Amino acid sequence: MSGTSSFTTGESSRAGEQPERDEVVEFKARTWVALSSIIVVHSANDEGRRMLALRASDIFLDLQPPQVGASYLVLPDRIVKHPRYADHPVVLSACSDHFLFRATPAEGPSNLICFFVGDVNARTVVRLPEVPFHMAVNTIPHPQYSIGLIADPRSRHGGHYMVAQLHPTFTTHHTTLLCYSSVTDQWTARPLASTESEEHHRWGAHGVLAHGGLLWWIDLFYGMLVCDPFAADDNLHLRFVPLPVGSIRTGRRVPGPENIGRERFIRPSQGKLRYVEIQGAPSGMRTSNYQPPSNPQVRMFTLVSQEGQHHWVHEYTATFLDIWSHRSYAEAGLPQGVVPWLALIDPNNANTLYFFRGTTLFAVDGQTRQVLFRVRCLVLESARGGHRFQNSRFIGAWELPPALEPDVLCTHDVGGGSSIWGSDSEGTDGSDREQAISDQATNSGDQAADSPDQAADSPDQADAEP
């Protein structure tokens, strides 16, 4: 796939006439975890913090299989402020063995927001430098989901990366790609050659994916903007890929970006981008093919390409009536008649979708409608926010670097739910992590609910349970 190819889009269905198939995509199943985007911060009094000091490490990874629950990135308060004093630190993007996250530095005012990159293999964290004033453009901490991270394929020995953010963000025409390269340790403001897209309101910021050597900026109301950030300056194109026919949002932006994560997401699975949406749920969102709440359903599409042409292919639609009536649903003890919130998709199996019902995470086979398992899974429960973090905006599948795969495979008993800290065999029973999450939620729930990027865009129903 080329970042400079011409995109044409359409929609077809595997149930009807088959479109031309896309090029062969090499795919290899990898071990993965359900990673919370809310970072856990340990203070000096936490047992985990003492372990961190002994190992002289900036990063802990509390990893466990998705059948056990969520996994967490853990940082010490010598690097970032504890959420009781500032906003929650949040993972924004991940590529292979690096994380991009937003946080308040440990040293400095509580309203200072900076970007950091964590190296999983080296267990180190670096703070990205400030953008030079003479560029007349700066990184935008809000909206936080307009910035992405991608591995640098030009690096001979690996380990290098690029961070990129579109400017201006809220517009129909973007003029600049602000880039930071770990090779040069410098920011550059690069002019974009944008293609015209159909008229719509200002572009949203619902996340950035690194996929196929490209960066994909997502607006879950309209589609994706895709760019090859490693292209030459005179060939730096931004292309628009709309959502499937009937899924493009019309009218006022309802629900807000935090709530849209309950009903829609775009994520990779089996080497291809997948669009998943819940239709017919009583959320207030209206699309051209809106269905009444009497028939809620979940649909999955695959983005396929051939010779520069891109199509959304409808893979399956599963009604919740069928899911609720399946014997496995009752056996799992799940409530009848309640439409859950979207969580994630299995990166190794596009038929397996994950949903939240309160603090319960459960997996469903979209083809057979069978519930595969359920588990208690807490992204972060704040005193004020209720279960507002229990949706796809705050959790995602992270495919582990090869060095970490044996730890998750060998040190976890799915039935017992044990947990590890870091990448060696020394571990804890997980009580420190659970206590840290509980303390973090209790002390910072109000700050998270009131953070500028969330409060400005989230309607009141964000605090309601599904």
Protein backbone atom coordinates (compact mmCIF):
# COMPACT_ATOMS: atom_id res chain seq x y z
CA MET A 1 0.00 0.00 0.00
CA SER A 2 1.40 3.39 -0.91
CA GLY A 3 0.87 6.69 0.88
CA THR A 4 0.67 8.45 -2.49
CA SER A 5 -1.85 6.18 -4.19
CA SER A 6 -5.23 7.51 -5.26
CA PHE A 7 -8.03 6.43 -2.96
CA THR A 8 -11.49 5.60 -4.19
CA THR A 9 -13.91 4.10 -1.76
CA GLY A 10 -17.08 2.14 -1.81
CA GLU A 11 -18.92 -0.57 0.06
CA SER A 12 -19.71 -4.12 -0.85
CA SER A 13 -20.79 -7.23 0.99
CA ARG A 14 -19.42 -10.73 1.17
CA ALA A 15 -23.03 -11.85 1.21
CA GLY A 16 -23.53 -10.50 -2.32
CA GLU A 17 -21.29 -9.95 -5.30
CA GLN A 18 -17.62 -10.15 -4.36
CA PRO A 19 -15.41 -7.13 -5.03
CA GLU A 20 -11.96 -7.51 -6.49
CA ARG A 21 -9.69 -8.79 -3.74
CA ASP A 22 -6.90 -6.70 -2.32
CA GLU A 23 -3.24 -7.58 -2.34
CA VAL A 24 -2.05 -10.43 -0.12
CA VAL A 25 -1.37 -9.16 3.40
CA GLU A 26 1.25 -11.00 5.38
CA PHE A 27 -0.15 -11.71 8.83
CA LYS A 28 1.33 -13.53 11.79
CA ALA A 29 -0.63 -14.08 14.99
CA ARG A 30 1.03 -12.55 18.04
CA THR A 31 0.44 -12.58 21.76
CA TRP A 32 -1.59 -9.56 22.82
CA VAL A 33 -3.08 -7.90 25.88
CA ALA A 34 -6.02 -5.58 26.53
CA LEU A 35 -4.10 -2.44 27.44
CA SER A 36 -5.74 0.33 29.44
CA SER A 37 -4.91 3.78 28.07
CA ILE A 38 -5.09 5.16 31.62
CA ILE A 39 -1.58 4.97 33.08
CA VAL A 40 -1.08 3.87 36.70
CA VAL A 41 1.27 6.12 38.69
CA HIS A 42 3.05 4.84 41.79
CA SER A 43 4.07 7.14 44.60
CA ALA A 44 7.12 6.67 46.83
CA ASN A 45 5.01 4.84 49.42
CA ASP A 46 3.82 2.13 47.06
CA GLU A 47 5.49 -1.28 47.10
CA GLY A 48 5.58 -1.20 43.32
CA ARG A 49 7.46 2.11 43.46
CA ARG A 50 10.16 0.55 45.65
CA MET A 51 10.51 -2.31 43.18
CA LEU A 52 10.86 0.25 40.42
CA ALA A 53 13.66 2.03 42.30
CA LEU A 54 15.52 -1.22 42.90
CA ARG A 55 15.49 -2.00 39.20
CA ALA A 56 16.38 1.56 38.15
CA SER A 57 13.61 1.37 35.59
CA ASP A 58 11.24 4.05 34.32
CA ILE A 59 8.52 1.63 33.22
CA PHE A 60 6.62 -1.29 34.66
CA LEU A 61 4.29 -3.36 32.52
CA ASP A 62 1.53 -5.11 34.43
CA LEU A 63 0.63 -7.65 31.77
CA GLN A 64 -1.98 -10.38 31.76
CA PRO A 65 -3.99 -12.20 29.09
CA PRO A 66 -7.31 -10.59 28.12
CA GLN A 67 -9.09 -13.60 29.63
CA VAL A 68 -7.79 -12.38 33.00
CA GLY A 69 -8.41 -8.65 32.61
CA ALA A 70 -6.82 -5.38 31.59
CA SER A 71 -3.08 -4.72 31.43
CA TYR A 72 -1.46 -1.47 32.53
CA LEU A 73 1.50 0.77 31.89
CA VAL A 74 2.94 1.78 35.28
CA LEU A 75 5.14 4.85 35.86
CA PRO A 76 6.83 6.31 38.96
CA ASP A 77 5.89 9.73 40.27
CA ARG A 78 9.50 10.87 39.80
CA ILE A 79 8.67 11.09 36.06
CA VAL A 80 5.03 12.22 35.98
CA LYS A 81 2.77 13.78 38.57
CA HIS A 82 0.36 11.53 40.41
CA PRO A 83 -3.23 12.07 39.19
CA ARG A 84 -4.23 13.42 42.59
CA TYR A 85 -2.29 16.54 41.57
CA ALA A 86 -2.93 16.67 37.82
CA ASP A 87 -4.86 15.06 34.96
CA HIS A 88 -4.56 11.36 34.28
CA PRO A 89 -1.55 10.41 32.18
CA VAL A 90 -2.90 8.73 29.04
CA VAL A 91 -1.42 6.43 26.40
CA LEU A 92 -2.16 8.03 23.03
CA SER A 93 -0.51 5.65 20.59
CA ALA A 94 1.71 2.58 20.47
CA CYS A 95 3.95 1.02 17.86
CA SER A 96 5.72 -2.24 18.48
CA ASP A 97 7.96 -1.52 21.48
CA HIS A 98 7.24 2.19 22.06
CA PHE A 99 4.42 4.14 23.70
CA LEU A 100 3.44 7.75 23.15
CA PHE A 101 1.71 9.23 26.17
CA ARG A 102 0.54 12.57 27.51
CA ALA A 103 1.21 13.55 31.12
CA THR A 104 2.17 16.32 33.52
CA PRO A 105 5.91 16.21 34.33
CA ALA A 106 6.83 15.51 37.93
CA GLU A 107 8.68 18.82 38.08
CA GLY A 108 6.64 21.82 37.02
CA PRO A 109 3.16 23.31 37.34
CA SER A 110 0.16 20.98 37.48
CA ASN A 111 -1.38 22.51 34.36
CA LEU A 112 1.66 21.74 32.17
CA ILE A 113 0.94 18.99 29.64
CA CYS A 114 3.81 17.33 27.76
CA PHE A 115 4.33 14.38 25.45
CA PHE A 116 6.57 11.45 26.38
CA VAL A 117 7.76 8.30 24.62
CA GLY A 118 8.44 5.11 26.54
CA ASP A 119 10.82 2.42 25.27
CA VAL A 120 9.48 -0.97 26.36
CA ASN A 121 12.72 -2.87 25.77
CA ALA A 122 15.03 -0.36 27.45
CA ARG A 123 12.40 0.48 30.12
CA THR A 124 13.16 4.18 29.70
CA VAL A 125 11.02 7.29 29.21
CA VAL A 126 12.03 10.42 27.31
CA ARG A 127 10.19 13.73 27.25
CA LEU A 128 9.79 15.15 23.77
CA PRO A 129 11.38 18.58 23.31
CA GLU A 130 9.34 21.71 22.89
CA VAL A 131 8.56 22.82 19.35
CA PRO A 132 10.84 25.74 18.39
CA PHE A 133 9.07 29.06 18.65
CA HIS A 134 10.12 30.17 15.17
CA MET A 135 7.96 27.42 13.60
CA ALA A 136 4.84 29.33 14.68
CA VAL A 137 3.13 26.00 15.38
CA ASN A 138 3.02 23.90 18.50
CA THR A 139 1.87 20.52 19.72
CA ILE A 140 -1.74 20.54 20.87
CA PRO A 141 -2.32 18.62 24.12
CA HIS A 142 -6.07 19.02 23.55
CA PRO A 143 -7.44 17.27 21.59
CA GLN A 144 -5.03 14.59 22.72
CA TYR A 145 -6.09 12.01 20.15
CA SER A 146 -4.80 13.93 17.12
CA ILE A 147 -1.18 12.83 17.52
CA GLY A 148 0.32 9.51 16.49
CA LEU A 149 3.45 7.38 16.77
CA ILE A 150 4.97 5.18 14.06
CA ALA A 151 8.15 3.08 13.87
CA ASP A 152 10.78 4.46 11.50
CA PRO A 153 11.44 1.87 8.74
CA ARG A 154 14.57 3.75 7.70
CA SER A 155 16.34 2.83 10.93
CA ARG A 156 18.85 0.08 10.19
CA HIS A 157 18.93 -1.31 13.69
CA GLY A 158 15.38 -0.43 14.74
CA GLY A 159 14.31 1.56 17.75
CA HIS A 160 13.72 4.87 15.98
CA TYR A 161 10.29 6.40 15.52
CA MET A 162 8.34 9.43 14.36
CA VAL A 163 5.61 11.40 16.15
CA ALA A 164 3.20 13.35 13.95
CA GLN A 165 0.25 15.69 14.49
CA LEU A 166 -2.06 17.34 11.94
CA HIS A 167 -2.43 21.13 11.94
CA PRO A 168 -4.83 22.72 12.22
CA THR A 169 -6.75 19.84 13.80
CA PHE A 170 -10.36 21.05 13.75
CA THR A 171 -10.80 21.90 10.08
CA THR A 172 -11.77 20.48 6.69
CA HIS A 173 -8.39 21.33 5.20
CA HIS A 174 -5.12 20.48 6.95
CA THR A 175 -2.03 22.37 5.84
CA THR A 176 0.80 21.12 8.04
CA LEU A 177 2.16 17.86 9.42
CA LEU A 178 4.16 18.58 12.57
CA CYS A 179 6.75 15.80 12.92
CA TYR A 180 9.28 14.78 15.55
CA SER A 181 11.98 12.26 14.57
CA SER A 182 14.00 10.35 17.15
CA VAL A 183 16.79 10.15 14.55
CA THR A 184 17.33 13.91 14.51
CA ASP A 185 15.73 14.73 17.90
CA GLN A 186 14.06 17.66 16.16
CA TRP A 187 10.61 18.90 15.19
CA THR A 188 9.81 19.88 11.61
CA ALA A 189 6.70 21.56 10.19
CA ARG A 190 6.04 19.99 6.79
CA PRO A 191 3.47 21.35 4.28
CA LEU A 192 0.75 18.91 3.21
CA ALA A 193 -0.85 18.33 -0.17
CA SER A 194 -4.40 17.50 0.95
CA THR A 195 -7.07 16.04 -1.29
CA GLU A 196 -10.52 17.55 -1.08
CA SER A 197 -13.05 15.59 0.93
CA GLU A 198 -16.78 15.99 1.03
CA GLU A 199 -18.12 18.91 3.03
CA HIS A 200 -18.48 18.27 6.72
CA HIS A 201 -18.05 20.02 10.03
CA ARG A 202 -14.63 20.37 11.64
CA TRP A 203 -12.56 17.20 11.67
CA GLY A 204 -12.70 15.20 14.89
CA ALA A 205 -9.87 13.56 16.80
CA HIS A 206 -10.71 10.00 17.79
CA GLY A 207 -7.25 8.47 17.63
CA VAL A 208 -4.32 7.81 15.31
CA LEU A 209 -3.28 4.35 14.13
CA ALA A 210 0.02 3.20 12.67
CA HIS A 211 -0.84 0.54 10.10
CA GLY A 212 0.88 -0.69 6.96
CA GLY A 213 3.68 1.84 7.29
CA LEU A 214 1.16 4.72 7.27
CA LEU A 215 -0.52 6.91 9.86
CA TRP A 216 -4.33 6.93 9.93
CA TRP A 217 -6.15 9.81 11.67
CA ILE A 218 -9.64 8.68 12.69
CA ASP A 219 -12.89 10.60 12.87
CA LEU A 220 -15.57 8.10 13.84
CA PHE A 221 -18.27 10.35 12.40
CA TYR A 222 -16.74 10.56 8.91
CA GLY A 223 -13.75 8.36 8.14
CA MET A 224 -9.96 8.44 8.09
CA LEU A 225 -7.16 10.67 6.86
CA VAL A 226 -4.09 8.68 5.83
CA CYS A 227 -0.53 9.80 5.21
CA ASP A 228 2.94 8.37 4.70
CA PRO A 229 4.96 10.54 7.10
CA PHE A 230 8.23 9.24 5.62
CA ALA A 231 7.45 10.48 2.11
CA ALA A 232 9.59 13.22 0.61
CA ASP A 233 8.48 16.77 1.35
CA ASP A 234 7.29 17.32 -2.22
CA ASN A 235 5.24 14.11 -2.10
CA LEU A 236 3.59 14.38 1.32
CA HIS A 237 -0.07 13.68 0.58
CA LEU A 238 -3.05 13.43 2.92
CA ARG A 239 -5.86 11.20 1.66
CA PHE A 240 -9.46 10.84 2.83
CA VAL A 241 -11.14 7.45 3.29
CA PRO A 242 -14.83 7.80 4.24
CA LEU A 243 -16.70 5.40 6.49
CA PRO A 244 -18.94 2.75 4.91
CA VAL A 245 -22.02 3.99 3.09
CA GLY A 246 -24.71 4.83 5.63
CA SER A 247 -22.32 5.20 8.56
CA ILE A 248 -21.22 8.78 7.90
CA ARG A 249 -22.78 10.93 10.56
CA THR A 250 -25.31 13.58 9.56
CA GLY A 251 -26.44 16.59 11.58
CA ARG A 252 -25.16 17.64 14.98
CA ARG A 253 -22.24 15.79 16.61
CA VAL A 254 -24.05 13.52 19.05
CA PRO A 255 -22.75 11.69 21.01
CA GLY A 256 -19.48 13.33 22.03
CA PRO A 257 -16.11 11.72 21.35
CA GLU A 258 -16.01 9.88 24.66
CA ASN A 259 -19.42 8.34 24.02
CA ILE A 260 -18.76 7.54 20.36
CA GLY A 261 -16.17 5.03 21.62
CA ARG A 262 -19.03 3.03 23.10
CA GLU A 263 -20.59 2.52 19.69
CA ARG A 264 -17.81 2.69 17.07
CA PHE A 265 -14.14 1.98 16.59
CA ILE A 266 -11.56 1.32 13.87
CA ARG A 267 -8.82 -1.14 14.79
CA PRO A 268 -6.52 -3.60 12.99
CA SER A 269 -7.22 -7.33 13.06
CA GLN A 270 -5.57 -10.07 11.02
CA GLY A 271 -3.50 -7.48 9.20
CA LYS A 272 -6.43 -5.34 7.99
CA LEU A 273 -8.31 -2.33 9.34
CA ARG A 274 -11.76 -3.16 10.71
CA TYR A 275 -14.64 -0.80 11.34
CA VAL A 276 -17.09 -1.96 14.02
CA GLU A 277 -20.29 -0.16 14.97
CA ILE A 278 -23.36 -0.71 17.10
CA GLN A 279 -26.56 0.38 15.37
CA GLY A 280 -29.92 0.93 16.96
CA ALA A 281 -28.68 1.67 20.48
CA PRO A 282 -30.56 4.56 22.14
CA SER A 283 -27.60 6.96 22.28
CA GLY A 284 -28.92 9.92 20.33
CA MET A 285 -26.65 9.44 17.32
CA ARG A 286 -28.36 9.53 13.94
CA THR A 287 -27.02 8.26 10.63
CA SER A 288 -28.58 7.85 7.22
CA ASN A 289 -29.39 4.21 7.94
CA TYR A 290 -30.40 4.67 11.59
CA GLN A 291 -32.52 1.84 12.98
CA PRO A 292 -34.87 2.07 15.95
CA PRO A 293 -33.73 0.70 19.32
CA SER A 294 -36.05 -2.29 18.90
CA ASN A 295 -33.42 -4.04 16.77
CA PRO A 296 -29.92 -3.19 18.06
CA GLN A 297 -27.10 -4.88 16.17
CA VAL A 298 -23.33 -4.86 15.76
CA ARG A 299 -21.72 -4.73 12.31
CA MET A 300 -18.15 -5.32 11.17
CA PHE A 301 -16.49 -4.08 7.96
CA THR A 302 -13.02 -4.67 6.51
CA LEU A 303 -11.03 -2.11 4.51
CA VAL A 304 -9.58 -3.86 1.45
CA SER A 305 -7.54 -2.43 -1.38
CA GLN A 306 -6.34 -3.27 -4.85
CA GLU A 307 -4.39 -1.02 -7.19
CA GLY A 308 -5.01 2.00 -4.97
CA GLN A 309 -8.78 1.48 -4.73
CA HIS A 310 -10.19 1.01 -1.24
CA HIS A 311 -13.51 -0.61 -0.34
CA TRP A 312 -15.26 -1.31 2.92
CA VAL A 313 -16.42 -4.92 2.79
CA HIS A 314 -19.31 -5.89 5.06
CA GLU A 315 -18.25 -9.04 6.91
CA TYR A 316 -21.16 -9.73 9.25
CA THR A 317 -24.04 -8.27 11.21
CA ALA A 318 -25.07 -9.79 14.53
CA THR A 319 -28.27 -8.69 16.21
CA PHE A 320 -28.22 -8.45 19.97
CA LEU A 321 -31.48 -10.39 20.01
CA ASP A 322 -29.53 -13.35 18.61
CA ILE A 323 -26.69 -12.82 21.09
CA TRP A 324 -29.08 -12.54 24.04
CA SER A 325 -30.98 -15.65 22.99
CA HIS A 326 -27.83 -17.80 22.66
CA ARG A 327 -27.51 -20.29 25.48
CA SER A 328 -23.97 -19.13 26.26
CA TYR A 329 -25.22 -15.63 27.10
CA ALA A 330 -27.46 -16.85 29.90
CA GLU A 331 -24.79 -19.26 31.09
CA ALA A 332 -22.39 -16.33 31.41
CA GLY A 333 -24.86 -14.60 33.74
CA LEU A 334 -25.15 -11.49 31.56
CA PRO A 335 -28.29 -9.29 31.75
CA GLN A 336 -30.92 -9.67 29.05
CA GLY A 337 -32.00 -6.72 26.95
CA VAL A 338 -29.03 -4.47 27.75
CA VAL A 339 -26.96 -3.19 24.81
CA PRO A 340 -23.30 -3.26 25.92
CA TRP A 341 -20.52 -0.87 25.03
CA LEU A 342 -17.79 -1.69 22.52
CA ALA A 343 -14.36 -2.53 23.93
CA LEU A 344 -12.03 -4.00 21.29
CA ILE A 345 -11.49 -6.59 18.56
CA ASP A 346 -9.18 -9.58 18.75
CA PRO A 347 -6.15 -8.64 16.59
CA ASN A 348 -5.73 -12.31 15.66
CA ASN A 349 -9.38 -13.12 14.93
CA ALA A 350 -11.71 -10.53 13.40
CA ASN A 351 -14.76 -12.60 14.33
CA THR A 352 -14.14 -12.07 18.06
CA LEU A 353 -15.51 -8.82 19.47
CA TYR A 354 -15.18 -7.64 23.07
CA PHE A 355 -17.86 -5.68 24.92
CA PHE A 356 -18.24 -3.98 28.28
CA ARG A 357 -21.25 -4.32 30.51
CA GLY A 358 -20.30 -2.24 33.54
CA THR A 359 -17.08 -3.79 34.87
CA THR A 360 -17.67 -7.03 32.97
CA LEU A 361 -15.67 -7.62 29.80
CA PHE A 362 -17.04 -10.39 27.59
CA ALA A 363 -16.08 -11.78 24.19
CA VAL A 364 -18.57 -12.75 21.47
CA ASP A 365 -18.06 -14.68 18.24
CA GLY A 366 -19.75 -12.38 15.72
CA GLN A 367 -20.48 -15.25 13.34
CA THR A 368 -21.97 -17.78 15.79
CA ARG A 369 -23.25 -15.22 18.39
CA GLN A 370 -21.66 -17.35 21.13
CA VAL A 371 -20.27 -15.73 24.29
CA LEU A 372 -16.73 -17.09 24.60
CA PHE A 373 -15.91 -15.90 28.11
CA ARG A 374 -16.48 -13.11 30.61
CA VAL A 375 -14.18 -11.53 33.17
CA ARG A 376 -14.16 -8.61 35.57
CA CYS A 377 -12.14 -5.86 33.90
CA LEU A 378 -11.56 -2.40 35.33
CA VAL A 379 -10.07 0.27 33.08
CA LEU A 380 -10.33 2.89 35.80
CA GLU A 381 -13.32 3.49 38.04
CA SER A 382 -13.48 7.09 39.21
CA ALA A 383 -15.68 8.26 42.02
CA ARG A 384 -17.36 10.81 39.78
CA GLY A 385 -17.15 9.13 36.38
CA GLY A 386 -18.76 5.80 37.25
CA HIS A 387 -18.00 3.46 34.35
CA ARG A 388 -17.28 6.22 31.85
CA PHE A 389 -13.86 4.73 31.01
CA GLN A 390 -15.32 1.31 30.16
CA ASN A 391 -15.33 1.69 26.37
CA SER A 392 -13.07 1.38 23.33
CA ARG A 393 -11.64 4.87 23.76
CA PHE A 394 -9.78 3.81 26.90
CA ILE A 395 -8.76 0.23 26.11
CA GLY A 396 -7.24 -1.49 23.11
CA ALA A 397 -5.38 -4.56 21.94
CA TRP A 398 -1.60 -4.22 22.15
CA GLU A 399 0.45 -6.84 20.31
CA LEU A 400 3.49 -7.58 22.43
CA PRO A 401 7.09 -7.29 21.26
CA PRO A 402 8.68 -10.76 20.98
CA ALA A 403 10.76 -10.21 24.12
CA LEU A 404 7.61 -9.88 26.25
CA GLU A 405 5.56 -12.74 24.80
CA PRO A 406 7.08 -15.54 26.95
CA ASP A 407 6.27 -13.63 30.14
CA VAL A 408 2.54 -13.45 29.43
CA LEU A 409 2.41 -16.99 28.07
CA CYS A 410 4.42 -18.64 30.84
CA THR A 411 3.80 -16.65 34.03
CA HIS A 412 0.02 -16.48 33.91
CA ASP A 413 -2.58 -18.98 34.91
CA VAL A 414 -5.80 -17.86 33.21
CA GLY A 415 -7.91 -19.49 35.86
CA GLY A 416 -5.96 -18.01 38.74
CA GLY A 417 -5.49 -14.54 37.35
CA SER A 418 -1.93 -14.04 38.54
CA SER A 419 -0.02 -10.97 37.42
CA ILE A 420 3.56 -9.93 36.74
CA TRP A 421 5.40 -6.66 37.13
CA GLY A 422 8.01 -5.90 34.49
CA SER A 423 9.57 -8.52 32.27
CA ASP A 424 11.33 -10.86 34.67
CA SER A 425 9.98 -13.75 36.68
CA GLU A 426 9.78 -11.80 39.93
CA GLY A 427 6.22 -10.70 40.55
CA THR A 428 3.50 -9.83 42.98
CA ASP A 429 -0.01 -11.04 43.56
CA GLY A 430 -1.37 -7.90 41.91
CA SER A 431 -2.63 -6.33 45.14
CA ASP A 432 -0.26 -3.36 44.84
CA ARG A 433 -1.52 -2.58 41.36
CA GLU A 434 -5.17 -2.89 42.40
CA GLN A 435 -4.58 -0.65 45.41
CA ALA A 436 -2.77 1.91 43.24
CA ILE A 437 -5.65 1.95 40.76
CA SER A 438 -8.16 2.31 43.58
CA ASP A 439 -6.19 5.17 45.17
CA GLN A 440 -5.67 6.84 41.80
CA ALA A 441 -9.36 6.68 40.99
CA THR A 442 -10.41 7.95 44.41
CA ASN A 443 -7.96 10.84 44.42
CA SER A 444 -8.24 11.89 40.79
CA GLY A 445 -11.70 10.99 39.57
CA ASP A 446 -12.78 14.60 39.61
CA GLN A 447 -9.69 15.77 37.76
CA ALA A 448 -10.25 13.18 35.02
CA ALA A 449 -13.88 14.14 34.68
CA ASP A 450 -12.95 17.81 34.52
CA SER A 451 -9.93 17.61 32.20
CA PRO A 452 -10.32 20.08 29.32
CA ASP A 453 -10.34 17.59 26.47
CA GLN A 454 -12.98 15.40 28.07
CA ALA A 455 -15.27 17.92 29.69
CA ALA A 456 -15.55 20.07 26.60
CA ASP A 457 -16.73 17.26 24.37
CA SER A 458 -18.60 14.85 26.60
CA PRO A 459 -22.32 15.15 27.29
CA ASP A 460 -23.80 14.50 30.67
CA GLN A 461 -24.68 10.91 29.85
CA ALA A 462 -20.95 10.09 30.00
CA ASP A 463 -21.42 9.39 33.69
CA ALA A 464 -24.24 6.93 33.12
CA GLU A 465 -23.73 3.20 33.26
CA PRO A 466 -24.47 1.21 30.11
